[in-house]
Every structure is written in structure tokens, then in C-alpha cells.
Amino acid sequence: MPDPVAWTMIERGWKVVDAHGDEIGKVQEVTGDENADIFDGLAISGGKYIPSEDVGEIVDGEIRLKTAAPHLQDFTEPAPQEEILPESAPWYRRLFNTRR
């Protein structure tokens, strides 16, 4: 049996299986904040979302869920956390990142 790995190691394309070992999709995107070590969940193929509370074990190449038939939510892209200012923005706005 492979050793568990941290959520930050998850890569696109990893297999997602339910508690019975049935594949329910592949990882499309991992949501969370690596700097704060907060794992929110997974967007999987088919546009579905699995919250972190439903993830049981993470091993190299595979995510195993806690339940046999999880209720999957539709995935919606999280709001951006940073504002990227164009080069044409005034220097003081870029420096202090103030909005007009």
C-alpha cells in the first residue's frame, strides 16, 4: 500500500475513487491556500466539486473518498484573491494597490 502524501502534492489527472474503490473522476483542479495550508477541495472531471471533508486518504496518484457514493456539487471558480494591476497604472496605485 502506498504511503499517504500531503494535499499540496495532488496533481491534475490523479484518479478519484469512492470508498468502494470505484473511480468517479480525475482531478482537474485543487482548491486551497498553500501558504496557510488550507485545503478546500477538488474539482474533478465532469465539472463536479468534492469538498475536503469528503476526502479520506491521499496517496501518490489517487484520492480516496470517505463515502461510497458522495453527493457531488457543481464546481464554481473561486473569486480571485489578488488584483493584478497593468503596467499603465500609476506607480502609487501599484505600490499601495489602492482602488479608485
N, C-alpha and C. Protein backbone atom coordinates (compact mmCIF):
# COMPACT_ATOMS: atom_id res chain seq x y z
N MET A 1 0.85 -1.18 0.00
CA MET A 1 0.00 0.00 0.00
C MET A 1 0.89 1.24 0.00
N PRO A 2 0.62 2.21 -0.90
CA PRO A 2 1.43 3.43 -0.95
C PRO A 2 1.25 4.29 0.30
N ASP A 3 2.29 5.06 0.60
CA ASP A 3 2.24 5.97 1.74
C ASP A 3 1.38 7.19 1.41
N PRO A 4 0.67 7.72 2.40
CA PRO A 4 -0.11 8.94 2.19
C PRO A 4 0.81 10.12 1.87
N VAL A 5 0.28 11.08 1.09
CA VAL A 5 1.02 12.30 0.76
C VAL A 5 0.17 13.51 1.13
N ALA A 6 0.80 14.67 1.20
CA ALA A 6 0.10 15.91 1.55
C ALA A 6 -0.79 16.36 0.39
N TRP A 7 -1.81 17.13 0.70
CA TRP A 7 -2.73 17.63 -0.32
C TRP A 7 -2.02 18.51 -1.34
N THR A 8 -0.92 19.14 -0.94
CA THR A 8 -0.19 20.02 -1.85
C THR A 8 0.52 19.23 -2.97
N MET A 9 0.60 17.92 -2.83
CA MET A 9 1.24 17.08 -3.85
C MET A 9 0.26 16.66 -4.95
N ILE A 10 -1.03 16.86 -4.76
CA ILE A 10 -2.03 16.42 -5.73
C ILE A 10 -1.80 17.12 -7.07
N GLU A 11 -1.89 16.35 -8.15
CA GLU A 11 -1.69 16.88 -9.49
C GLU A 11 -2.90 16.60 -10.37
N ARG A 12 -3.05 17.42 -11.38
CA ARG A 12 -4.12 17.24 -12.37
C ARG A 12 -4.00 15.85 -12.98
N GLY A 13 -5.14 15.17 -13.11
CA GLY A 13 -5.15 13.85 -13.72
C GLY A 13 -5.13 12.70 -12.73
N TRP A 14 -4.90 12.98 -11.45
CA TRP A 14 -4.93 11.90 -10.46
C TRP A 14 -6.34 11.32 -10.39
N LYS A 15 -6.41 10.02 -10.16
CA LYS A 15 -7.68 9.30 -10.08
C LYS A 15 -8.36 9.60 -8.74
N VAL A 16 -9.70 9.76 -8.79
CA VAL A 16 -10.51 9.95 -7.58
C VAL A 16 -11.44 8.74 -7.49
N VAL A 17 -11.36 8.03 -6.35
CA VAL A 17 -12.17 6.83 -6.15
C VAL A 17 -13.02 6.98 -4.90
N ASP A 18 -14.19 6.31 -4.89
CA ASP A 18 -15.04 6.34 -3.71
C ASP A 18 -14.55 5.30 -2.70
N ALA A 19 -15.28 5.14 -1.61
CA ALA A 19 -14.86 4.23 -0.53
C ALA A 19 -14.80 2.77 -0.98
N HIS A 20 -15.52 2.41 -2.04
CA HIS A 20 -15.50 1.04 -2.56
C HIS A 20 -14.41 0.82 -3.60
N GLY A 21 -13.69 1.90 -3.96
CA GLY A 21 -12.64 1.78 -4.95
C GLY A 21 -13.09 2.04 -6.38
N ASP A 22 -14.36 2.46 -6.55
CA ASP A 22 -14.87 2.77 -7.89
C ASP A 22 -14.43 4.17 -8.30
N GLU A 23 -13.86 4.28 -9.49
CA GLU A 23 -13.39 5.57 -9.97
C GLU A 23 -14.58 6.46 -10.30
N ILE A 24 -14.55 7.71 -9.78
CA ILE A 24 -15.63 8.64 -10.06
C ILE A 24 -15.17 9.83 -10.89
N GLY A 25 -13.87 9.92 -11.15
CA GLY A 25 -13.36 11.01 -11.97
C GLY A 25 -11.86 11.21 -11.80
N LYS A 26 -11.38 12.25 -12.46
CA LYS A 26 -9.97 12.63 -12.40
C LYS A 26 -9.88 14.07 -11.90
N VAL A 27 -8.82 14.38 -11.18
CA VAL A 27 -8.61 15.73 -10.65
C VAL A 27 -8.38 16.70 -11.80
N GLN A 28 -9.13 17.79 -11.78
CA GLN A 28 -8.94 18.88 -12.74
C GLN A 28 -8.25 20.07 -12.08
N GLU A 29 -8.61 20.32 -10.80
CA GLU A 29 -8.05 21.47 -10.08
C GLU A 29 -8.13 21.22 -8.58
N VAL A 30 -7.12 21.70 -7.87
CA VAL A 30 -7.10 21.62 -6.40
C VAL A 30 -7.36 23.03 -5.89
N THR A 31 -8.30 23.17 -4.95
CA THR A 31 -8.58 24.49 -4.40
C THR A 31 -8.11 24.55 -2.95
N GLY A 32 -7.48 25.65 -2.61
CA GLY A 32 -6.95 25.84 -1.27
C GLY A 32 -5.91 26.93 -1.25
N ASP A 33 -5.30 27.12 -0.11
CA ASP A 33 -4.26 28.13 0.08
C ASP A 33 -3.03 27.44 0.63
N GLU A 34 -2.03 27.24 -0.24
CA GLU A 34 -0.81 26.55 0.19
C GLU A 34 -0.07 27.32 1.27
N ASN A 35 -0.08 28.65 1.20
CA ASN A 35 0.64 29.46 2.19
C ASN A 35 0.08 29.28 3.59
N ALA A 36 -1.24 29.14 3.70
CA ALA A 36 -1.88 28.95 5.00
C ALA A 36 -2.16 27.48 5.29
N ASP A 37 -1.79 26.59 4.37
CA ASP A 37 -2.03 25.14 4.47
C ASP A 37 -3.51 24.84 4.72
N ILE A 38 -4.35 25.43 3.86
CA ILE A 38 -5.78 25.21 3.95
C ILE A 38 -6.23 24.51 2.66
N PHE A 39 -6.73 23.30 2.79
CA PHE A 39 -7.21 22.50 1.67
C PHE A 39 -8.73 22.63 1.62
N ASP A 40 -9.26 23.21 0.53
CA ASP A 40 -10.70 23.40 0.39
C ASP A 40 -11.39 22.22 -0.29
N GLY A 41 -10.77 21.70 -1.35
CA GLY A 41 -11.40 20.59 -2.06
C GLY A 41 -10.83 20.38 -3.44
N LEU A 42 -11.56 19.59 -4.25
CA LEU A 42 -11.10 19.20 -5.58
C LEU A 42 -12.19 19.42 -6.62
N ALA A 43 -11.81 19.97 -7.75
CA ALA A 43 -12.68 19.99 -8.92
C ALA A 43 -12.27 18.76 -9.73
N ILE A 44 -13.26 17.95 -10.11
CA ILE A 44 -12.95 16.74 -10.85
C ILE A 44 -13.63 16.79 -12.22
N SER A 45 -13.26 15.83 -13.07
CA SER A 45 -13.83 15.77 -14.41
C SER A 45 -15.36 15.75 -14.34
N GLY A 46 -15.98 16.35 -15.32
CA GLY A 46 -17.43 16.44 -15.33
C GLY A 46 -17.94 17.70 -14.66
N GLY A 47 -17.02 18.60 -14.26
CA GLY A 47 -17.43 19.86 -13.65
C GLY A 47 -17.97 19.72 -12.24
N LYS A 48 -17.58 18.69 -11.52
CA LYS A 48 -18.06 18.46 -10.16
C LYS A 48 -17.00 18.84 -9.14
N TYR A 49 -17.46 19.07 -7.90
CA TYR A 49 -16.58 19.52 -6.81
C TYR A 49 -16.72 18.59 -5.62
N ILE A 50 -15.58 18.25 -5.01
CA ILE A 50 -15.55 17.42 -3.80
C ILE A 50 -14.94 18.26 -2.68
N PRO A 51 -15.70 18.58 -1.63
CA PRO A 51 -15.13 19.34 -0.51
C PRO A 51 -14.10 18.50 0.24
N SER A 52 -13.16 19.15 0.87
CA SER A 52 -12.07 18.46 1.57
C SER A 52 -12.60 17.51 2.65
N GLU A 53 -13.77 17.82 3.23
CA GLU A 53 -14.33 16.97 4.28
C GLU A 53 -14.65 15.56 3.78
N ASP A 54 -14.85 15.41 2.48
CA ASP A 54 -15.17 14.10 1.90
C ASP A 54 -13.94 13.30 1.50
N VAL A 55 -12.75 13.92 1.57
CA VAL A 55 -11.52 13.22 1.19
C VAL A 55 -11.02 12.41 2.38
N GLY A 56 -10.84 11.12 2.14
CA GLY A 56 -10.38 10.23 3.20
C GLY A 56 -8.88 10.06 3.23
N GLU A 57 -8.29 9.74 2.08
CA GLU A 57 -6.86 9.47 2.03
C GLU A 57 -6.30 9.94 0.69
N ILE A 58 -5.10 10.48 0.73
CA ILE A 58 -4.42 10.92 -0.48
C ILE A 58 -3.12 10.13 -0.58
N VAL A 59 -3.00 9.35 -1.66
CA VAL A 59 -1.77 8.62 -1.93
C VAL A 59 -1.29 9.02 -3.31
N ASP A 60 -0.06 8.70 -3.65
CA ASP A 60 0.52 9.11 -4.93
C ASP A 60 -0.35 8.63 -6.09
N GLY A 61 -0.95 9.57 -6.81
CA GLY A 61 -1.74 9.26 -7.99
C GLY A 61 -3.20 8.97 -7.75
N GLU A 62 -3.65 8.98 -6.49
CA GLU A 62 -5.03 8.61 -6.21
C GLU A 62 -5.56 9.30 -4.96
N ILE A 63 -6.81 9.74 -5.04
CA ILE A 63 -7.51 10.31 -3.90
C ILE A 63 -8.66 9.37 -3.57
N ARG A 64 -8.72 8.94 -2.31
CA ARG A 64 -9.78 8.03 -1.86
C ARG A 64 -10.75 8.80 -0.98
N LEU A 65 -12.03 8.68 -1.30
CA LEU A 65 -13.06 9.39 -0.55
C LEU A 65 -13.55 8.57 0.63
N LYS A 66 -14.21 9.23 1.58
CA LYS A 66 -14.73 8.58 2.78
C LYS A 66 -16.02 7.82 2.52
N THR A 67 -16.78 8.23 1.52
CA THR A 67 -18.09 7.64 1.28
C THR A 67 -18.13 6.87 -0.03
N ALA A 68 -19.11 5.98 -0.14
CA ALA A 68 -19.24 5.16 -1.34
C ALA A 68 -19.83 5.94 -2.51
N ALA A 69 -20.83 6.71 -2.26
CA ALA A 69 -21.48 7.48 -3.34
C ALA A 69 -21.63 8.92 -2.88
N PRO A 70 -20.58 9.71 -2.98
CA PRO A 70 -20.66 11.08 -2.48
C PRO A 70 -21.63 11.93 -3.30
N HIS A 71 -22.23 12.89 -2.63
CA HIS A 71 -23.07 13.86 -3.31
C HIS A 71 -22.14 14.92 -3.88
N LEU A 72 -22.02 14.97 -5.20
CA LEU A 72 -21.09 15.89 -5.83
C LEU A 72 -21.78 17.20 -6.19
N GLN A 73 -21.12 18.29 -5.86
CA GLN A 73 -21.63 19.62 -6.17
C GLN A 73 -21.05 20.07 -7.51
N ASP A 74 -21.70 21.03 -8.16
CA ASP A 74 -21.11 21.65 -9.34
C ASP A 74 -19.97 22.55 -8.90
N PHE A 75 -18.90 22.56 -9.68
CA PHE A 75 -17.74 23.38 -9.36
C PHE A 75 -17.92 24.78 -9.91
N THR A 76 -17.67 25.78 -9.06
CA THR A 76 -17.64 27.17 -9.49
C THR A 76 -16.27 27.74 -9.14
N GLU A 77 -15.71 28.45 -10.07
CA GLU A 77 -14.37 29.02 -9.90
C GLU A 77 -14.38 30.00 -8.73
N PRO A 78 -13.41 29.87 -7.79
CA PRO A 78 -13.36 30.80 -6.66
C PRO A 78 -12.98 32.21 -7.13
N ALA A 79 -13.41 33.20 -6.37
CA ALA A 79 -13.09 34.59 -6.70
C ALA A 79 -11.59 34.82 -6.55
N PRO A 80 -11.01 35.66 -7.40
CA PRO A 80 -9.58 35.93 -7.29
C PRO A 80 -9.25 36.59 -5.96
N GLN A 81 -8.09 36.26 -5.43
CA GLN A 81 -7.66 36.79 -4.14
C GLN A 81 -6.74 38.00 -4.28
N GLU A 82 -6.22 38.20 -5.48
CA GLU A 82 -5.30 39.30 -5.71
C GLU A 82 -5.74 40.09 -6.92
N GLU A 83 -5.41 41.37 -6.93
CA GLU A 83 -5.68 42.20 -8.09
C GLU A 83 -4.35 42.47 -8.77
N ILE A 84 -4.28 42.16 -10.05
CA ILE A 84 -3.06 42.40 -10.82
C ILE A 84 -3.27 43.68 -11.60
N LEU A 85 -2.43 44.66 -11.33
CA LEU A 85 -2.57 45.96 -11.97
C LEU A 85 -1.71 46.02 -13.23
N PRO A 86 -2.20 46.67 -14.28
CA PRO A 86 -1.42 46.79 -15.51
C PRO A 86 -0.24 47.74 -15.32
N GLU A 87 0.74 47.62 -16.19
CA GLU A 87 1.91 48.49 -16.14
C GLU A 87 1.52 49.96 -16.29
N SER A 88 0.40 50.21 -16.98
CA SER A 88 -0.02 51.59 -17.21
C SER A 88 -0.64 52.24 -15.97
N ALA A 89 -0.88 51.48 -14.90
CA ALA A 89 -1.43 52.05 -13.67
C ALA A 89 -0.39 52.97 -13.04
N PRO A 90 -0.83 54.05 -12.39
CA PRO A 90 0.13 54.96 -11.75
C PRO A 90 0.98 54.21 -10.72
N TRP A 91 2.23 54.65 -10.56
CA TRP A 91 3.17 53.97 -9.66
C TRP A 91 2.63 53.88 -8.24
N TYR A 92 1.99 54.95 -7.78
CA TYR A 92 1.49 54.95 -6.39
C TYR A 92 0.34 53.94 -6.23
N ARG A 93 -0.44 53.74 -7.29
CA ARG A 93 -1.51 52.74 -7.21
C ARG A 93 -0.94 51.33 -7.17
N ARG A 94 0.10 51.10 -7.98
CA ARG A 94 0.74 49.79 -7.96
C ARG A 94 1.43 49.55 -6.63
N LEU A 95 2.06 50.58 -6.08
CA LEU A 95 2.80 50.45 -4.82
C LEU A 95 1.86 50.15 -3.65
N PHE A 96 0.79 50.89 -3.57
CA PHE A 96 -0.13 50.74 -2.43
C PHE A 96 -1.37 49.91 -2.78
N ASN A 97 -1.52 49.56 -4.05
CA ASN A 97 -2.64 48.76 -4.54
C ASN A 97 -3.97 49.32 -4.05
N THR A 98 -4.15 50.61 -4.25
CA THR A 98 -5.40 51.26 -3.87
C THR A 98 -6.35 51.29 -5.05
N ARG A 99 -7.61 51.19 -4.76
CA ARG A 99 -8.62 51.23 -5.83
C ARG A 99 -9.17 52.65 -5.96
N ARG A 100 -9.57 52.99 -7.14
CA ARG A 100 -10.16 54.32 -7.37
C ARG A 100 -11.64 54.26 -7.24
